[in-house]
Amino acid sequence: MENNKTINEPEEQKKNSKWKSLVKKFGIGGIIFFTVKGIITSTLIYFLGKNFWSVISGYFTGIFD
């Protein structure tokens, strides 16, 4: 029983220290910023990816007309 607790405790500290290091490095505002930025970027890639070839072909058709 005691061996299991000593093995599990450093594992929990590693998980907490990763989050603590991220919060210390970027701050809560930075983490929120990067999360929102990721959501916006993913959304743009999804919607632009659907019509990517039609937008590109329309652009080059307009140039060469």
Protein backbone atom coordinates (compact mmCIF):
# COMPACT_ATOMS: atom_id res chain seq x y z
CA MET A 1 0.00 0.00 0.00
CA GLU A 2 2.71 2.46 0.93
CA ASN A 3 4.65 1.70 -2.21
CA ASN A 4 1.65 2.53 -4.38
CA LYS A 5 1.22 5.92 -2.72
CA THR A 6 4.87 6.86 -3.14
CA ILE A 7 4.76 5.91 -6.82
CA ASN A 8 1.54 7.85 -7.49
CA GLU A 9 2.54 11.06 -5.70
CA PRO A 10 5.39 12.10 -8.04
CA GLU A 11 3.14 11.40 -11.02
CA GLU A 12 0.51 13.83 -9.67
CA GLN A 13 3.18 16.44 -8.99
CA LYS A 14 4.41 16.20 -12.58
CA LYS A 15 0.88 16.81 -13.90
CA ASN A 16 0.38 19.79 -11.60
CA SER A 17 3.79 21.25 -12.33
CA LYS A 18 3.08 21.20 -16.08
CA TRP A 19 -0.04 23.32 -15.61
CA LYS A 20 1.69 25.53 -13.09
CA SER A 21 4.57 26.14 -15.46
CA LEU A 22 2.16 27.05 -18.28
CA VAL A 23 0.24 29.46 -16.06
CA LYS A 24 3.48 30.94 -14.78
CA LYS A 25 4.85 31.35 -18.31
CA PHE A 26 1.77 32.74 -20.11
CA GLY A 27 -0.58 33.78 -17.33
CA ILE A 28 -4.28 33.09 -17.30
CA GLY A 29 -4.92 35.76 -19.93
CA GLY A 30 -2.35 34.19 -22.23
CA ILE A 31 -3.89 30.76 -21.92
CA ILE A 32 -7.34 32.20 -22.68
CA PHE A 33 -5.87 34.13 -25.64
CA PHE A 34 -4.21 31.07 -27.15
CA THR A 35 -7.35 28.98 -26.63
CA VAL A 36 -9.56 31.55 -28.39
CA LYS A 37 -6.94 31.99 -31.12
CA GLY A 38 -6.90 28.23 -31.70
CA ILE A 39 -10.69 28.05 -31.92
CA ILE A 40 -10.83 30.94 -34.41
CA THR A 41 -8.00 29.51 -36.50
CA SER A 42 -9.59 26.06 -36.59
CA THR A 43 -12.93 27.55 -37.62
CA LEU A 44 -11.34 29.60 -40.41
CA ILE A 45 -9.40 26.61 -41.71
CA TYR A 46 -12.57 24.50 -41.69
CA PHE A 47 -14.76 26.99 -43.54
CA LEU A 48 -12.08 28.23 -45.93
CA GLY A 49 -11.00 24.68 -46.63
CA LYS A 50 -14.46 23.80 -47.92
CA ASN A 51 -14.34 26.48 -50.61
CA PHE A 52 -10.56 26.74 -51.00
CA TRP A 53 -10.30 25.55 -54.60
CA SER A 54 -13.30 27.57 -55.78
CA VAL A 55 -11.82 30.74 -54.24
CA ILE A 56 -8.39 30.08 -55.78
CA SER A 57 -9.80 29.23 -59.23
CA GLY A 58 -12.01 32.34 -59.15
CA TYR A 59 -9.01 34.48 -58.22
CA PHE A 60 -6.86 33.21 -61.08
CA THR A 61 -9.79 33.38 -63.53
CA GLY A 62 -10.25 37.04 -62.58
CA ILE A 63 -6.56 37.78 -63.13
CA PHE A 64 -6.36 36.18 -66.57
CA ASP A 65 -9.65 37.58 -67.92
